[in-house]
Amino acid sequence: MRHNVLELIPSFHQGGSERQCVQLTRLLHQRGFYGVRLAALDGTGTLRPDAEKIGVGEIPSFPLTSFYDANAVAQLRRFVRLLKEWNIDIVHTHDFYTNIFGMTGAALARVPVRIAARRESAVRSPKQRFVERSAYRLAHAVVANCEEVRAQLIAEGVPANKTVTIHNGLDLQRVALPVDFNRGQALSSFNLPSDKNYRFVTILANLRIELKDHPTFLRAAKRVLEAVPETRFILAGEGELTTPLRDLSAELGLAEAASFVGRCGRVAELLELSDICVLSSKAEGFSNSILEDMAAGRAVVATDVGGAREAVVEGETGYLVRSGDYESLAARIIELL
């Protein structure tokens, strides 16, 4: 007997948790062991076409403005009805908001198996963590994507036997170069300079949340440029922080040296152009970017947060530095260059 699984995604905006959820849904559907369905809190975002191609049918959304208003109650009722209508046996949630909404709805619908997740380091307020722990109590298991995050869960009171670490997986097709790859054409398509033998240092992270700490990357870039003038810097990602980061780049004298290439669907080509990859986050779970960078054979310089040390072997596959320490970040980049 096949069991019916519902994957509840926060949105289809480009982000690590969202891509992991879409990838997991696709793989479960391809395996055929489960009847897989997908739902979202926010049904919009650039990943939605990829999700629709999976072929799991209707993808309903349950938009929230708060957990404490009449709309939240109405959306929760809709969700409970859907779970019953689809005969869902397993609900799997992926982040803070889907944990609270999804575990509550699944418990009300008496779904037999309820799996929550934490995919971020402890960056939320005590009040938010208190509410999330209430959701965890409704779950039969809580998945962490690295040992660091699992340790945080246990420290917060989630029973150790209820938690399990499953590191993020990587779709190697994302870093597989097209057979017709041409470096000059690729540089041109990303609007990167191709007239000199520049060396590129890349950060691939969304520009929507300040935790990615692009200012530390840019301050390190200023130091690197002073030491290695033939270096250029690529910031790949989209979000509302783009304009202030462009302004900071100009203030630091990097207007000509830093390229903001926006959302990148051609990760393999971008990484092939890159000499070094950086992640400057203040907090992470288990970074997808680090996995992609290393799968493409690139040395990584990352901040020592979340599960970074579970991926990077210090001095062998990359370097780890303290969060916010742009001087050390720059020193390691210069050493690798």
Protein backbone atom coordinates (compact mmCIF):
# COMPACT_ATOMS: atom_id res chain seq x y z
CA MET A 1 0.00 0.00 0.00
CA ARG A 2 1.40 3.38 -1.02
CA HIS A 3 1.26 6.11 1.60
CA ASN A 4 0.28 9.65 0.67
CA VAL A 5 2.84 12.32 1.55
CA LEU A 6 2.30 16.08 1.62
CA GLU A 7 5.36 18.32 1.39
CA LEU A 8 4.53 21.80 2.72
CA ILE A 9 6.85 24.47 1.35
CA PRO A 10 7.05 28.05 2.65
CA SER A 11 7.13 29.61 -0.84
CA PHE A 12 8.64 29.13 -4.29
CA HIS A 13 11.13 31.96 -3.95
CA GLN A 14 14.73 30.99 -4.61
CA GLY A 15 16.24 29.76 -1.37
CA GLY A 16 17.97 26.73 0.08
CA SER A 17 14.99 25.27 1.93
CA GLU A 18 12.69 25.87 -1.01
CA ARG A 19 15.02 24.20 -3.50
CA GLN A 20 15.55 21.28 -1.15
CA CYS A 21 11.78 20.79 -0.82
CA VAL A 22 11.18 20.91 -4.57
CA GLN A 23 14.07 18.48 -5.14
CA LEU A 24 12.78 16.09 -2.47
CA THR A 25 9.26 16.19 -3.93
CA ARG A 26 10.61 15.39 -7.39
CA LEU A 27 12.74 12.49 -6.17
CA LEU A 28 9.97 10.97 -4.06
CA HIS A 29 7.60 11.23 -7.01
CA GLN A 30 10.12 9.61 -9.36
CA ARG A 31 10.74 6.73 -6.95
CA GLY A 32 7.04 5.93 -6.92
CA PHE A 33 6.99 4.55 -3.38
CA TYR A 34 4.64 7.30 -2.22
CA GLY A 35 1.76 9.30 -3.54
CA VAL A 36 3.31 12.75 -3.28
CA ARG A 37 1.50 16.07 -3.10
CA LEU A 38 2.87 19.60 -2.68
CA ALA A 39 1.36 22.68 -1.03
CA ALA A 40 2.72 26.12 -0.11
CA LEU A 41 2.00 28.96 2.24
CA ASP A 42 2.98 31.48 -0.45
CA GLY A 43 2.30 30.03 -3.89
CA THR A 44 4.51 32.49 -5.79
CA GLY A 45 8.19 32.47 -6.71
CA THR A 46 10.66 31.59 -9.42
CA LEU A 47 10.78 27.90 -8.43
CA ARG A 48 7.07 27.34 -9.09
CA PRO A 49 7.52 26.32 -12.76
CA ASP A 50 10.04 23.67 -11.65
CA ALA A 51 7.56 22.40 -9.08
CA GLU A 52 4.73 22.26 -11.60
CA LYS A 53 6.88 20.21 -13.98
CA ILE A 54 7.13 17.44 -11.38
CA GLY A 55 3.55 16.47 -12.17
CA VAL A 56 2.06 15.97 -8.71
CA GLY A 57 -1.16 17.77 -9.58
CA GLU A 58 -2.72 20.84 -8.02
CA ILE A 59 -0.44 22.90 -5.76
CA PRO A 60 -2.71 24.80 -3.36
CA SER A 61 -1.50 27.76 -1.28
CA PHE A 62 -2.47 28.96 2.18
CA PRO A 63 -1.39 32.63 2.41
CA LEU A 64 -0.87 33.95 5.93
CA THR A 65 -0.58 37.49 7.23
CA SER A 66 -0.24 36.40 10.87
CA PHE A 67 -0.70 33.35 13.06
CA TYR A 68 -3.12 35.29 15.23
CA ASP A 69 -5.91 36.61 12.98
CA ALA A 70 -9.12 35.36 11.41
CA ASN A 71 -7.36 34.61 8.12
CA ALA A 72 -5.01 32.16 9.89
CA VAL A 73 -8.00 30.28 11.30
CA ALA A 74 -9.67 30.17 7.87
CA GLN A 75 -6.49 28.95 6.15
CA LEU A 76 -5.95 26.31 8.84
CA ARG A 77 -9.49 24.99 8.33
CA ARG A 78 -8.86 24.82 4.57
CA PHE A 79 -5.63 22.93 5.20
CA VAL A 80 -7.30 20.41 7.52
CA ARG A 81 -10.03 19.77 4.94
CA LEU A 82 -7.40 19.26 2.23
CA LEU A 83 -5.46 16.74 4.31
CA LYS A 84 -8.60 14.72 4.85
CA GLU A 85 -9.74 15.01 1.23
CA TRP A 86 -6.36 13.83 -0.07
CA ASN A 87 -6.09 11.06 2.56
CA ILE A 88 -2.65 12.28 3.60
CA ASP A 89 -0.69 9.82 5.76
CA ILE A 90 2.52 11.83 6.21
CA VAL A 91 3.00 15.60 6.47
CA HIS A 92 6.53 16.97 6.15
CA THR A 93 7.24 20.65 6.87
CA HIS A 94 10.44 22.54 6.16
CA ASP A 95 10.82 25.78 8.12
CA PHE A 96 9.59 27.89 11.03
CA TYR A 97 6.30 28.96 9.41
CA THR A 98 5.40 25.64 7.85
CA ASN A 99 6.30 23.83 11.08
CA ILE A 100 3.76 25.84 13.07
CA PHE A 101 1.01 25.86 10.45
CA GLY A 102 1.62 22.36 9.12
CA MET A 103 2.03 20.49 12.41
CA THR A 104 -1.05 22.18 13.87
CA GLY A 105 -3.17 21.34 10.85
CA ALA A 106 -1.82 17.79 10.61
CA ALA A 107 -2.58 17.16 14.28
CA LEU A 108 -6.13 18.50 13.90
CA ALA A 109 -6.61 16.27 10.84
CA ARG A 110 -5.18 13.29 12.76
CA VAL A 111 -2.50 12.65 10.15
CA PRO A 112 -0.70 9.48 11.33
CA VAL A 113 2.88 10.68 10.72
CA ARG A 114 4.02 14.26 11.24
CA ILE A 115 7.61 15.30 10.44
CA ALA A 116 8.86 18.81 11.19
CA ALA A 117 12.26 20.26 10.36
CA ARG A 118 14.77 22.88 11.33
CA ARG A 119 17.11 24.02 8.60
CA GLU A 120 18.57 27.15 10.20
CA SER A 121 20.85 28.01 13.07
CA ALA A 122 19.30 29.60 16.17
CA VAL A 123 18.56 33.13 14.95
CA ARG A 124 14.94 33.61 16.04
CA SER A 125 13.57 35.35 19.10
CA PRO A 126 12.84 33.41 22.31
CA LYS A 127 9.11 33.95 21.71
CA GLN A 128 9.33 32.47 18.21
CA ARG A 129 11.33 29.50 19.47
CA PHE A 130 8.72 28.92 22.20
CA VAL A 131 5.95 28.81 19.59
CA GLU A 132 8.01 26.52 17.37
CA ARG A 133 8.67 24.11 20.23
CA SER A 134 4.89 23.81 20.62
CA ALA A 135 4.79 22.69 16.99
CA TYR A 136 7.58 20.19 17.61
CA ARG A 137 5.53 18.63 20.38
CA LEU A 138 2.88 17.82 17.75
CA ALA A 139 5.52 16.18 15.51
CA HIS A 140 6.62 12.56 15.65
CA ALA A 141 10.10 13.48 14.41
CA VAL A 142 12.12 16.64 13.81
CA VAL A 143 14.74 16.62 11.05
CA ALA A 144 17.85 18.79 11.36
CA ASN A 145 20.05 19.36 8.33
CA CYS A 146 23.29 19.33 10.34
CA GLU A 147 24.56 18.18 13.73
CA GLU A 148 24.96 21.77 14.92
CA VAL A 149 21.25 22.41 14.41
CA ARG A 150 20.32 19.07 16.01
CA ALA A 151 22.36 20.01 19.07
CA GLN A 152 20.44 23.29 19.28
CA LEU A 153 17.13 21.43 19.16
CA ILE A 154 18.18 19.12 21.98
CA ALA A 155 19.46 22.07 24.04
CA GLU A 156 16.05 23.72 23.62
CA GLY A 157 14.31 20.69 25.06
CA VAL A 158 13.33 18.63 22.02
CA PRO A 159 13.92 14.97 23.00
CA ALA A 160 17.08 13.56 21.44
CA ASN A 161 15.24 10.41 20.32
CA LYS A 162 12.81 12.60 18.40
CA THR A 163 15.51 14.35 16.37
CA VAL A 164 17.54 13.08 13.44
CA THR A 165 20.19 14.68 11.24
CA ILE A 166 19.83 14.36 7.48
CA HIS A 167 22.35 16.53 5.67
CA ASN A 168 21.19 18.32 2.53
CA GLY A 169 21.50 16.41 -0.70
CA LEU A 170 22.84 17.88 -3.91
CA ASP A 171 21.51 17.44 -7.43
CA LEU A 172 24.79 17.11 -9.33
CA GLN A 173 23.08 18.24 -12.52
CA ARG A 174 23.17 21.77 -11.09
CA VAL A 175 26.96 21.76 -11.37
CA ALA A 176 27.26 19.78 -14.61
CA LEU A 177 28.68 21.97 -17.38
CA PRO A 178 26.87 22.01 -20.73
CA VAL A 179 28.86 20.25 -23.44
CA ASP A 180 29.02 23.46 -25.50
CA PHE A 181 30.37 25.62 -22.67
CA ASN A 182 32.48 28.51 -23.94
CA ARG A 183 34.26 30.69 -21.39
CA GLY A 184 34.17 33.86 -23.45
CA GLN A 185 30.48 33.52 -24.21
CA ALA A 186 29.72 32.73 -20.59
CA LEU A 187 31.58 35.80 -19.37
CA SER A 188 29.64 37.93 -21.83
CA SER A 189 26.29 36.43 -20.86
CA PHE A 190 26.90 37.32 -17.19
CA ASN A 191 28.13 40.79 -18.20
CA LEU A 192 31.55 40.03 -16.74
CA PRO A 193 34.76 41.51 -18.13
CA SER A 194 36.52 39.23 -20.59
CA ASP A 195 39.25 41.53 -21.92
CA LYS A 196 41.78 40.68 -19.20
CA ASN A 197 42.84 37.63 -17.23
CA TYR A 198 40.74 38.50 -14.23
CA ARG A 199 40.32 36.09 -11.33
CA PHE A 200 36.83 35.82 -9.94
CA VAL A 201 35.72 35.46 -6.33
CA THR A 202 32.04 34.54 -6.10
CA ILE A 203 29.32 34.57 -3.47
CA LEU A 204 26.13 32.74 -4.39
CA ALA A 205 23.43 33.68 -1.87
CA ASN A 206 20.07 35.41 -1.92
CA LEU A 207 19.99 39.15 -1.37
CA ARG A 208 16.78 39.06 0.65
CA ILE A 209 18.00 38.39 4.18
CA GLU A 210 20.71 40.25 6.08
CA LEU A 211 21.98 37.03 7.66
CA LYS A 212 23.90 36.29 4.45
CA ASP A 213 26.06 39.28 5.48
CA HIS A 214 27.13 40.50 2.06
CA PRO A 215 28.67 43.65 3.65
CA THR A 216 31.37 41.46 5.22
CA PHE A 217 32.04 39.95 1.79
CA LEU A 218 32.33 43.42 0.23
CA ARG A 219 34.63 44.72 2.97
CA ALA A 220 36.84 41.68 2.46
CA ALA A 221 36.73 42.30 -1.29
CA LYS A 222 38.16 45.79 -0.76
CA ARG A 223 41.17 44.28 1.04
CA VAL A 224 41.59 41.59 -1.61
CA LEU A 225 41.50 44.13 -4.43
CA GLU A 226 44.25 46.15 -2.78
CA ALA A 227 46.47 43.06 -2.59
CA VAL A 228 45.50 41.37 -5.87
CA PRO A 229 44.29 44.05 -8.32
CA GLU A 230 43.37 41.56 -11.05
CA THR A 231 40.58 40.14 -8.87
CA ARG A 232 36.91 40.73 -9.62
CA PHE A 233 33.93 39.85 -7.43
CA ILE A 234 30.63 38.25 -8.39
CA LEU A 235 27.49 38.55 -6.26
CA ALA A 236 24.87 36.13 -7.56
CA GLY A 237 21.38 36.31 -6.13
CA GLU A 238 18.28 38.47 -6.09
CA GLY A 239 16.40 40.41 -3.45
CA GLU A 240 15.54 43.76 -1.98
CA LEU A 241 19.03 44.22 -0.52
CA THR A 242 20.51 44.61 -4.00
CA THR A 243 20.30 48.41 -4.10
CA PRO A 244 21.82 49.10 -0.65
CA LEU A 245 24.57 46.58 -1.38
CA ARG A 246 25.33 48.29 -4.68
CA ASP A 247 25.58 51.56 -2.77
CA LEU A 248 27.96 50.02 -0.23
CA SER A 249 30.02 48.56 -3.06
CA ALA A 250 30.41 52.03 -4.54
CA GLU A 251 31.31 53.52 -1.15
CA LEU A 252 34.07 50.94 -0.79
CA GLY A 253 35.47 51.74 -4.22
CA LEU A 254 34.27 48.49 -5.75
CA ALA A 255 31.86 49.87 -8.33
CA GLU A 256 34.02 48.63 -11.20
CA ALA A 257 35.21 45.47 -9.49
CA ALA A 258 31.97 43.97 -8.15
CA SER A 259 29.30 42.55 -10.47
CA PHE A 260 25.74 41.94 -9.32
CA VAL A 261 24.50 39.26 -11.73
CA GLY A 262 21.05 38.67 -10.20
CA ARG A 263 19.30 35.34 -9.97
CA CYS A 264 21.49 32.64 -11.45
CA GLY A 265 19.89 29.64 -13.12
CA ARG A 266 23.19 28.58 -14.70
CA VAL A 267 25.08 27.73 -11.54
CA ALA A 268 27.50 25.32 -13.24
CA GLU A 269 28.72 27.97 -15.68
CA LEU A 270 29.08 30.61 -12.98
CA LEU A 271 31.13 28.28 -10.79
CA GLU A 272 33.31 27.27 -13.74
CA LEU A 273 34.19 30.96 -14.17
CA SER A 274 34.98 31.33 -10.48
CA ASP A 275 38.35 30.79 -8.87
CA ILE A 276 37.21 30.95 -5.24
CA CYS A 277 33.76 30.78 -3.65
CA VAL A 278 32.76 32.53 -0.45
CA LEU A 279 29.94 32.31 2.06
CA SER A 280 29.93 35.14 4.62
CA SER A 281 26.74 34.29 6.56
CA LYS A 282 26.09 35.22 10.17
CA ALA A 283 23.99 32.06 10.54
CA GLU A 284 23.26 28.98 8.43
CA GLY A 285 21.92 25.49 8.68
CA PHE A 286 23.76 23.28 6.20
CA SER A 287 24.64 25.44 3.23
CA ASN A 288 23.61 24.29 -0.24
CA SER A 289 26.02 26.82 -1.75
CA ILE A 290 29.02 25.23 -0.04
CA LEU A 291 28.02 21.82 -1.43
CA GLU A 292 27.67 23.22 -4.94
CA ASP A 293 30.97 25.10 -4.73
CA MET A 294 32.88 21.98 -3.66
CA ALA A 295 31.07 19.74 -6.15
CA ALA A 296 32.34 22.11 -8.85
CA GLY A 297 35.88 21.70 -7.51
CA ARG A 298 36.18 25.18 -6.06
CA ALA A 299 37.93 26.07 -2.82
CA VAL A 300 35.56 27.60 -0.28
CA VAL A 301 36.16 30.32 2.29
CA ALA A 302 33.17 30.32 4.64
CA THR A 303 32.20 31.66 8.03
CA ASP A 304 32.23 29.06 10.77
CA VAL A 305 28.49 29.00 11.43
CA GLY A 306 25.87 26.26 11.48
CA GLY A 307 27.03 23.11 9.73
CA ALA A 308 29.87 24.68 7.72
CA ARG A 309 32.51 22.63 9.55
CA GLU A 310 30.51 19.49 8.74
CA ALA A 311 31.08 20.22 5.05
CA VAL A 312 34.42 22.04 4.84
CA VAL A 313 37.59 20.23 5.86
CA GLU A 314 39.79 23.05 7.18
CA GLY A 315 42.86 23.53 5.01
CA GLU A 316 41.87 20.72 2.67
CA THR A 317 38.64 21.68 0.89
CA GLY A 318 38.55 25.25 2.11
CA TYR A 319 38.90 27.57 5.07
CA LEU A 320 36.63 28.67 7.90
CA VAL A 321 36.74 32.12 9.52
CA ARG A 322 34.81 33.85 12.29
CA SER A 323 31.51 35.43 11.35
CA GLY A 324 31.94 39.13 10.57
CA ASP A 325 35.76 38.92 10.45
CA TYR A 326 36.35 40.44 7.02
CA GLU A 327 40.09 40.79 7.64
CA SER A 328 40.51 37.03 8.09
CA LEU A 329 38.13 36.38 5.21
CA ALA A 330 40.25 38.60 2.97
CA ALA A 331 43.49 37.01 4.17
CA ARG A 332 42.29 33.51 3.28
CA ILE A 333 41.06 34.62 -0.15
CA ILE A 334 44.39 36.33 -0.84
CA GLU A 335 46.27 33.21 0.27
CA LEU A 336 44.27 31.06 -2.16
CA LEU A 337 44.68 33.52 -5.01
